[in-house]
Amino acid sequence: MAHTALHRVPSDPDQMIGLPAAAVVLDVTERTVRRYIAEGKLPAFRLAGGSNLRVRRGDVDALLAPLPTTGSAGTSA
């Protein structure tokens, strides 16, 4: 798991963060974050002239959005 503390990860949705920080926010491994990027679930940006990837904090937060419910659980027609 990433070693970045969650309280040190920027909360501004437009802020670019590294993959280790994204992993902390999502409570997954960095490998899972890379898989989300490869699957198109998380947009990523490569820094000019480098190999480091960055993601927007808002895009990371969007992965945490609650799923809408469509009725009461446990009821039948």
PDB file of N, CA and C in Angstrom:
ATOM      1  N   MET A   1       0.856  -1.180   0.000  1.00  0.00           N
ATOM      2  CA  MET A   1       0.000   0.000   0.000  1.00  0.00           C
ATOM      3  C   MET A   1       0.895   1.235   0.000  1.00  0.00           C
ATOM      4  N   ALA A   2       0.367   2.325  -0.473  1.00  0.00           N
ATOM      5  CA  ALA A   2       1.137   3.563  -0.563  1.00  0.00           C
ATOM      6  C   ALA A   2       1.493   4.077   0.830  1.00  0.00           C
ATOM      7  N   HIS A   3       2.571   4.817   0.893  1.00  0.00           N
ATOM      8  CA  HIS A   3       3.042   5.332   2.172  1.00  0.00           C
ATOM      9  C   HIS A   3       2.637   6.775   2.402  1.00  0.00           C
ATOM     10  N   THR A   4       1.886   7.380   1.505  1.00  0.00           N
ATOM     11  CA  THR A   4       1.443   8.754   1.647  1.00  0.00           C
ATOM     12  C   THR A   4       0.250   8.796   2.587  1.00  0.00           C
ATOM     13  N   ALA A   5       0.305   9.666   3.580  1.00  0.00           N
ATOM     14  CA  ALA A   5      -0.818   9.799   4.505  1.00  0.00           C
ATOM     15  C   ALA A   5      -1.947  10.551   3.826  1.00  0.00           C
ATOM     16  N   LEU A   6      -3.181  10.117   4.050  1.00  0.00           N
ATOM     17  CA  LEU A   6      -4.335  10.725   3.409  1.00  0.00           C
ATOM     18  C   LEU A   6      -4.438  12.209   3.735  1.00  0.00           C
ATOM     19  N   HIS A   7      -4.084  12.622   4.943  1.00  0.00           N
ATOM     20  CA  HIS A   7      -4.193  14.033   5.301  1.00  0.00           C
ATOM     21  C   HIS A   7      -3.207  14.904   4.531  1.00  0.00           C
ATOM     22  N   ARG A   8      -2.257  14.311   3.846  1.00  0.00           N
ATOM     23  CA  ARG A   8      -1.289  15.073   3.059  1.00  0.00           C
ATOM     24  C   ARG A   8      -1.664  15.130   1.581  1.00  0.00           C
ATOM     25  N   VAL A   9      -2.744  14.472   1.185  1.00  0.00           N
ATOM     26  CA  VAL A   9      -3.189  14.469  -0.200  1.00  0.00           C
ATOM     27  C   VAL A   9      -4.073  15.697  -0.422  1.00  0.00           C
ATOM     28  N   PRO A  10      -3.777  16.508  -1.451  1.00  0.00           N
ATOM     29  CA  PRO A  10      -4.585  17.711  -1.702  1.00  0.00           C
ATOM     30  C   PRO A  10      -6.054  17.363  -1.910  1.00  0.00           C
ATOM     31  N   SER A  11      -6.944  18.242  -1.450  1.00  0.00           N
ATOM     32  CA  SER A  11      -8.380  17.989  -1.594  1.00  0.00           C
ATOM     33  C   SER A  11      -9.003  18.778  -2.739  1.00  0.00           C
ATOM     34  N   ASP A  12      -8.270  19.724  -3.334  1.00  0.00           N
ATOM     35  CA  ASP A  12      -8.765  20.512  -4.458  1.00  0.00           C
ATOM     36  C   ASP A  12      -9.007  19.580  -5.646  1.00  0.00           C
ATOM     37  N   PRO A  13     -10.232  19.530  -6.197  1.00  0.00           N
ATOM     38  CA  PRO A  13     -10.534  18.599  -7.280  1.00  0.00           C
ATOM     39  C   PRO A  13      -9.716  18.835  -8.555  1.00  0.00           C
ATOM     40  N   ASP A  14      -9.202  20.039  -8.753  1.00  0.00           N
ATOM     41  CA  ASP A  14      -8.395  20.338  -9.940  1.00  0.00           C
ATOM     42  C   ASP A  14      -6.910  20.042  -9.732  1.00  0.00           C
ATOM     43  N   GLN A  15      -6.518  19.727  -8.519  1.00  0.00           N
ATOM     44  CA  GLN A  15      -5.116  19.441  -8.199  1.00  0.00           C
ATOM     45  C   GLN A  15      -4.691  18.118  -8.829  1.00  0.00           C
ATOM     46  N   MET A  16      -3.510  18.121  -9.427  1.00  0.00           N
ATOM     47  CA  MET A  16      -2.953  16.893  -9.983  1.00  0.00           C
ATOM     48  C   MET A  16      -2.201  16.160  -8.872  1.00  0.00           C
ATOM     49  N   ILE A  17      -2.431  14.857  -8.757  1.00  0.00           N
ATOM     50  CA  ILE A  17      -1.753  14.060  -7.732  1.00  0.00           C
ATOM     51  C   ILE A  17      -1.106  12.845  -8.388  1.00  0.00           C
ATOM     52  N   GLY A  18      -0.115  12.307  -7.734  1.00  0.00           N
ATOM     53  CA  GLY A  18       0.570  11.121  -8.235  1.00  0.00           C
ATOM     54  C   GLY A  18      -0.230   9.858  -7.962  1.00  0.00           C
ATOM     55  N   LEU A  19       0.211   8.784  -8.571  1.00  0.00           N
ATOM     56  CA  LEU A  19      -0.499   7.517  -8.414  1.00  0.00           C
ATOM     57  C   LEU A  19      -0.455   6.981  -6.985  1.00  0.00           C
ATOM     58  N   PRO A  20       0.669   7.129  -6.259  1.00  0.00           N
ATOM     59  CA  PRO A  20       0.645   6.669  -4.865  1.00  0.00           C
ATOM     60  C   PRO A  20      -0.418   7.399  -4.027  1.00  0.00           C
ATOM     61  N   ALA A  21      -0.572   8.708  -4.246  1.00  0.00           N
ATOM     62  CA  ALA A  21      -1.582   9.475  -3.509  1.00  0.00           C
ATOM     63  C   ALA A  21      -2.988   9.036  -3.913  1.00  0.00           C
ATOM     64  N   ALA A  22      -3.200   8.780  -5.199  1.00  0.00           N
ATOM     65  CA  ALA A  22      -4.505   8.304  -5.663  1.00  0.00           C
ATOM     66  C   ALA A  22      -4.832   6.960  -5.023  1.00  0.00           C
ATOM     67  N   ALA A  23      -3.825   6.112  -4.887  1.00  0.00           N
ATOM     68  CA  ALA A  23      -4.033   4.804  -4.259  1.00  0.00           C
ATOM     69  C   ALA A  23      -4.470   4.959  -2.806  1.00  0.00           C
ATOM     70  N   VAL A  24      -3.898   5.931  -2.113  1.00  0.00           N
ATOM     71  CA  VAL A  24      -4.278   6.175  -0.716  1.00  0.00           C
ATOM     72  C   VAL A  24      -5.738   6.621  -0.638  1.00  0.00           C
ATOM     73  N   VAL A  25      -6.127   7.551  -1.503  1.00  0.00           N
ATOM     74  CA  VAL A  25      -7.506   8.056  -1.497  1.00  0.00           C
ATOM     75  C   VAL A  25      -8.496   6.925  -1.766  1.00  0.00           C
ATOM     76  N   LEU A  26      -8.161   6.067  -2.719  1.00  0.00           N
ATOM     77  CA  LEU A  26      -9.068   4.975  -3.106  1.00  0.00           C
ATOM     78  C   LEU A  26      -8.940   3.740  -2.217  1.00  0.00           C
ATOM     79  N   ASP A  27      -7.914   3.716  -1.364  1.00  0.00           N
ATOM     80  CA  ASP A  27      -7.637   2.569  -0.494  1.00  0.00           C
ATOM     81  C   ASP A  27      -7.417   1.294  -1.318  1.00  0.00           C
ATOM     82  N   VAL A  28      -6.607   1.457  -2.372  1.00  0.00           N
ATOM     83  CA  VAL A  28      -6.217   0.339  -3.234  1.00  0.00           C
ATOM     84  C   VAL A  28      -4.708   0.417  -3.445  1.00  0.00           C
ATOM     85  N   THR A  29      -4.153  -0.534  -4.161  1.00  0.00           N
ATOM     86  CA  THR A  29      -2.727  -0.491  -4.469  1.00  0.00           C
ATOM     87  C   THR A  29      -2.488   0.414  -5.679  1.00  0.00           C
ATOM     88  N   GLU A  30      -1.243   0.832  -5.837  1.00  0.00           N
ATOM     89  CA  GLU A  30      -0.882   1.622  -7.005  1.00  0.00           C
ATOM     90  C   GLU A  30      -1.111   0.813  -8.284  1.00  0.00           C
ATOM     91  N   ARG A  31      -0.916  -0.484  -8.219  1.00  0.00           N
ATOM     92  CA  ARG A  31      -1.161  -1.350  -9.375  1.00  0.00           C
ATOM     93  C   ARG A  31      -2.626  -1.278  -9.806  1.00  0.00           C
ATOM     94  N   THR A  32      -3.537  -1.222  -8.852  1.00  0.00           N
ATOM     95  CA  THR A  32      -4.958  -1.101  -9.165  1.00  0.00           C
ATOM     96  C   THR A  32      -5.245   0.243  -9.823  1.00  0.00           C
ATOM     97  N   VAL A  33      -4.618   1.309  -9.339  1.00  0.00           N
ATOM     98  CA  VAL A  33      -4.788   2.628  -9.962  1.00  0.00           C
ATOM     99  C   VAL A  33      -4.323   2.567 -11.416  1.00  0.00           C
ATOM    100  N   ARG A  34      -3.179   1.926 -11.656  1.00  0.00           N
ATOM    101  CA  ARG A  34      -2.680   1.788 -13.032  1.00  0.00           C
ATOM    102  C   ARG A  34      -3.662   0.977 -13.886  1.00  0.00           C
ATOM    103  N   ARG A  35      -4.306  -0.017 -13.311  1.00  0.00           N
ATOM    104  CA  ARG A  35      -5.292  -0.806 -14.034  1.00  0.00           C
ATOM    105  C   ARG A  35      -6.510   0.057 -14.383  1.00  0.00           C
ATOM    106  N   TYR A  36      -6.961   0.889 -13.437  1.00  0.00           N
ATOM    107  CA  TYR A  36      -8.073   1.799 -13.715  1.00  0.00           C
ATOM    108  C   TYR A  36      -7.732   2.722 -14.884  1.00  0.00           C
ATOM    109  N   ILE A  37      -6.492   3.196 -14.936  1.00  0.00           N
ATOM    110  CA  ILE A  37      -6.053   4.058 -16.035  1.00  0.00           C
ATOM    111  C   ILE A  37      -6.078   3.277 -17.349  1.00  0.00           C
ATOM    112  N   ALA A  38      -5.525   2.076 -17.341  1.00  0.00           N
ATOM    113  CA  ALA A  38      -5.469   1.252 -18.551  1.00  0.00           C
ATOM    114  C   ALA A  38      -6.864   0.892 -19.060  1.00  0.00           C
ATOM    115  N   GLU A  39      -7.812   0.712 -18.147  1.00  0.00           N
ATOM    116  CA  GLU A  39      -9.186   0.355 -18.508  1.00  0.00           C
ATOM    117  C   GLU A  39     -10.027   1.572 -18.896  1.00  0.00           C
ATOM    118  N   GLY A  40      -9.461   2.766 -18.773  1.00  0.00           N
ATOM    119  CA  GLY A  40     -10.185   3.982 -19.113  1.00  0.00           C
ATOM    120  C   GLY A  40     -11.108   4.482 -18.021  1.00  0.00           C
ATOM    121  N   LYS A  41     -11.014   3.922 -16.837  1.00  0.00           N
ATOM    122  CA  LYS A  41     -11.858   4.345 -15.717  1.00  0.00           C
ATOM    123  C   LYS A  41     -11.336   5.610 -15.054  1.00  0.00           C
ATOM    124  N   LEU A  42     -10.047   5.888 -15.234  1.00  0.00           N
ATOM    125  CA  LEU A  42      -9.414   7.038 -14.589  1.00  0.00           C
ATOM    126  C   LEU A  42      -8.497   7.728 -15.599  1.00  0.00           C
ATOM    127  N   PRO A  43      -8.832   8.960 -16.002  1.00  0.00           N
ATOM    128  CA  PRO A  43      -7.964   9.684 -16.932  1.00  0.00           C
ATOM    129  C   PRO A  43      -6.633  10.029 -16.253  1.00  0.00           C
ATOM    130  N   ALA A  44      -5.554   9.936 -17.017  1.00  0.00           N
ATOM    131  CA  ALA A  44      -4.228  10.246 -16.476  1.00  0.00           C
ATOM    132  C   ALA A  44      -3.475  11.120 -17.460  1.00  0.00           C
ATOM    133  N   PHE A  45      -2.483  11.815 -16.946  1.00  0.00           N
ATOM    134  CA  PHE A  45      -1.674  12.732 -17.736  1.00  0.00           C
ATOM    135  C   PHE A  45      -0.210  12.459 -17.455  1.00  0.00           C
ATOM    136  N   ARG A  46       0.592  12.457 -18.513  1.00  0.00           N
ATOM    137  CA  ARG A  46       2.028  12.251 -18.364  1.00  0.00           C
ATOM    138  C   ARG A  46       2.708  13.624 -18.371  1.00  0.00           C
ATOM    139  N   LEU A  47       3.617  13.832 -17.441  1.00  0.00           N
ATOM    140  CA  LEU A  47       4.361  15.077 -17.398  1.00  0.00           C
ATOM    141  C   LEU A  47       5.261  15.174 -18.621  1.00  0.00           C
ATOM    142  N   ALA A  48       5.386  16.370 -19.183  1.00  0.00           N
ATOM    143  CA  ALA A  48       6.220  16.577 -20.364  1.00  0.00           C
ATOM    144  C   ALA A  48       7.657  16.182 -20.052  1.00  0.00           C
ATOM    145  N   GLY A  49       8.222  15.371 -20.924  1.00  0.00           N
ATOM    146  CA  GLY A  49       9.615  14.977 -20.783  1.00  0.00           C
ATOM    147  C   GLY A  49       9.879  13.957 -19.694  1.00  0.00           C
ATOM    148  N   GLY A  50       8.833  13.395 -19.129  1.00  0.00           N
ATOM    149  CA  GLY A  50       9.033  12.447 -18.037  1.00  0.00           C
ATOM    150  C   GLY A  50       8.159  11.219 -18.172  1.00  0.00           C
ATOM    151  N   SER A  51       8.322  10.336 -17.245  1.00  0.00           N
ATOM    152  CA  SER A  51       7.524   9.111 -17.272  1.00  0.00           C
ATOM    153  C   SER A  51       6.492   9.082 -16.156  1.00  0.00           C
ATOM    154  N   ASN A  52       6.454  10.130 -15.335  1.00  0.00           N
ATOM    155  CA  ASN A  52       5.515  10.160 -14.210  1.00  0.00           C
ATOM    156  C   ASN A  52       4.101  10.476 -14.677  1.00  0.00           C
ATOM    157  N   LEU A  53       3.161   9.717 -14.167  1.00  0.00           N
ATOM    158  CA  LEU A  53       1.750   9.950 -14.454  1.00  0.00           C
ATOM    159  C   LEU A  53       1.122  10.731 -13.314  1.00  0.00           C
ATOM    160  N   ARG A  54       0.145  11.543 -13.655  1.00  0.00           N
ATOM    161  CA  ARG A  54      -0.632  12.287 -12.669  1.00  0.00           C
ATOM    162  C   ARG A  54      -2.102  12.116 -13.002  1.00  0.00           C
ATOM    163  N   VAL A  55      -2.937  12.225 -11.996  1.00  0.00           N
ATOM    164  CA  VAL A  55      -4.391  12.184 -12.162  1.00  0.00           C
ATOM    165  C   VAL A  55      -4.985  13.369 -11.416  1.00  0.00           C
ATOM    166  N   ARG A  56      -6.157  13.800 -11.839  1.00  0.00           N
ATOM    167  CA  ARG A  56      -6.841  14.885 -11.128  1.00  0.00           C
ATOM    168  C   ARG A  56      -7.534  14.312  -9.903  1.00  0.00           C
ATOM    169  N   ARG A  57      -7.428  15.026  -8.808  1.00  0.00           N
ATOM    170  CA  ARG A  57      -8.069  14.584  -7.564  1.00  0.00           C
ATOM    171  C   ARG A  57      -9.571  14.411  -7.767  1.00  0.00           C
ATOM    172  N   GLY A  58     -10.192  15.298  -8.531  1.00  0.00           N
ATOM    173  CA  GLY A  58     -11.630  15.192  -8.783  1.00  0.00           C
ATOM    174  C   GLY A  58     -11.998  13.916  -9.522  1.00  0.00           C
ATOM    175  N   ASP A  59     -11.134  13.470 -10.450  1.00  0.00           N
ATOM    176  CA  ASP A  59     -11.399  12.216 -11.166  1.00  0.00           C
ATOM    177  C   ASP A  59     -11.284  11.023 -10.219  1.00  0.00           C
ATOM    178  N   VAL A  60     -10.338  11.113  -9.291  1.00  0.00           N
ATOM    179  CA  VAL A  60     -10.188  10.050  -8.288  1.00  0.00           C
ATOM    180  C   VAL A  60     -11.432  10.016  -7.401  1.00  0.00           C
ATOM    181  N   ASP A  61     -11.854  11.189  -6.941  1.00  0.00           N
ATOM    182  CA  ASP A  61     -13.044  11.262  -6.087  1.00  0.00           C
ATOM    183  C   ASP A  61     -14.284  10.738  -6.797  1.00  0.00           C
ATOM    184  N   ALA A  62     -14.361  10.941  -8.121  1.00  0.00           N
ATOM    185  CA  ALA A  62     -15.524  10.484  -8.884  1.00  0.00           C
ATOM    186  C   ALA A  62     -15.652   8.961  -8.844  1.00  0.00           C
ATOM    187  N   LEU A  63     -14.529   8.267  -8.709  1.00  0.00           N
ATOM    188  CA  LEU A  63     -14.584   6.811  -8.591  1.00  0.00           C
ATOM    189  C   LEU A  63     -15.220   6.380  -7.270  1.00  0.00           C
ATOM    190  N   LEU A  64     -15.236   7.273  -6.306  1.00  0.00           N
ATOM    191  CA  LEU A  64     -15.803   6.972  -4.995  1.00  0.00           C
ATOM    192  C   LEU A  64     -17.274   7.371  -4.876  1.00  0.00           C
ATOM    193  N   ALA A  65     -17.853   7.917  -5.934  1.00  0.00           N
ATOM    194  CA  ALA A  65     -19.237   8.375  -5.884  1.00  0.00           C
ATOM    195  C   ALA A  65     -20.163   7.207  -5.572  1.00  0.00           C
ATOM    196  N   PRO A  66     -21.117   7.414  -4.677  1.00  0.00           N
ATOM    197  CA  PRO A  66     -22.049   6.328  -4.332  1.00  0.00           C
ATOM    198  C   PRO A  66     -22.928   5.962  -5.521  1.00  0.00           C
ATOM    199  N   LEU A  67     -23.243   4.698  -5.611  1.00  0.00           N
ATOM    200  CA  LEU A  67     -24.138   4.227  -6.661  1.00  0.00           C
ATOM    201  C   LEU A  67     -25.573   4.584  -6.297  1.00  0.00           C
ATOM    202  N   PRO A  68     -26.357   5.006  -7.288  1.00  0.00           N
ATOM    203  CA  PRO A  68     -27.765   5.315  -6.989  1.00  0.00           C
ATOM    204  C   PRO A  68     -28.525   4.027  -6.690  1.00  0.00           C
ATOM    205  N   THR A  69     -29.451   4.125  -5.786  1.00  0.00           N
ATOM    206  CA  THR A  69     -30.292   2.962  -5.467  1.00  0.00           C
ATOM    207  C   THR A  69     -31.602   3.086  -6.234  1.00  0.00           C
ATOM    208  N   THR A  70     -32.196   1.961  -6.550  1.00  0.00           N
ATOM    209  CA  THR A  70     -33.436   1.957  -7.325  1.00  0.00           C
ATOM    210  C   THR A  70     -34.551   1.238  -6.585  1.00  0.00           C
ATOM    211  N   GLY A  71     -34.728   1.572  -5.329  1.00  0.00           N
ATOM    212  CA  GLY A  71     -35.798   0.945  -4.564  1.00  0.00           C
ATOM    213  C   GLY A  71     -35.292   0.363  -3.280  1.00  0.00           C
ATOM    214  N   SER A  72     -36.179  -0.210  -2.540  1.00  0.00           N
ATOM    215  CA  SER A  72     -35.844  -0.789  -1.248  1.00  0.00           C
ATOM    216  C   SER A  72     -35.260  -2.170  -1.418  1.00  0.00           C
ATOM    217  N   ALA A  73     -34.254  -2.452  -0.654  1.00  0.00           N
ATOM    218  CA  ALA A  73     -33.659  -3.794  -0.672  1.00  0.00           C
ATOM    219  C   ALA A  73     -34.576  -4.752   0.084  1.00  0.00           C
ATOM    220  N   GLY A  74     -34.696  -5.946  -0.424  1.00  0.00           N
ATOM    221  CA  GLY A  74     -35.447  -6.966   0.282  1.00  0.00           C
ATOM    222  C   GLY A  74     -36.937  -6.985  -0.008  1.00  0.00           C
ATOM    223  N   THR A  75     -37.412  -6.109  -0.905  1.00  0.00           N
ATOM    224  CA  THR A  75     -38.845  -6.139  -1.233  1.00  0.00           C
ATOM    225  C   THR A  75     -39.022  -6.890  -2.522  1.00  0.00           C
ATOM    226  N   SER A  76     -40.121  -7.575  -2.639  1.00  0.00           N
ATOM    227  CA  SER A  76     -40.429  -8.303  -3.877  1.00  0.00           C
ATOM    228  C   SER A  76     -41.814  -7.924  -4.366  1.00  0.00           C
ATOM    229  N   ALA A  77     -42.003  -8.074  -5.659  1.00  0.00           N
ATOM    230  CA  ALA A  77     -43.280  -7.683  -6.259  1.00  0.00           C
ATOM    231  C   ALA A  77     -44.310  -8.770  -6.151  1.00  0.00           C
TER     232      ALA A  77
END
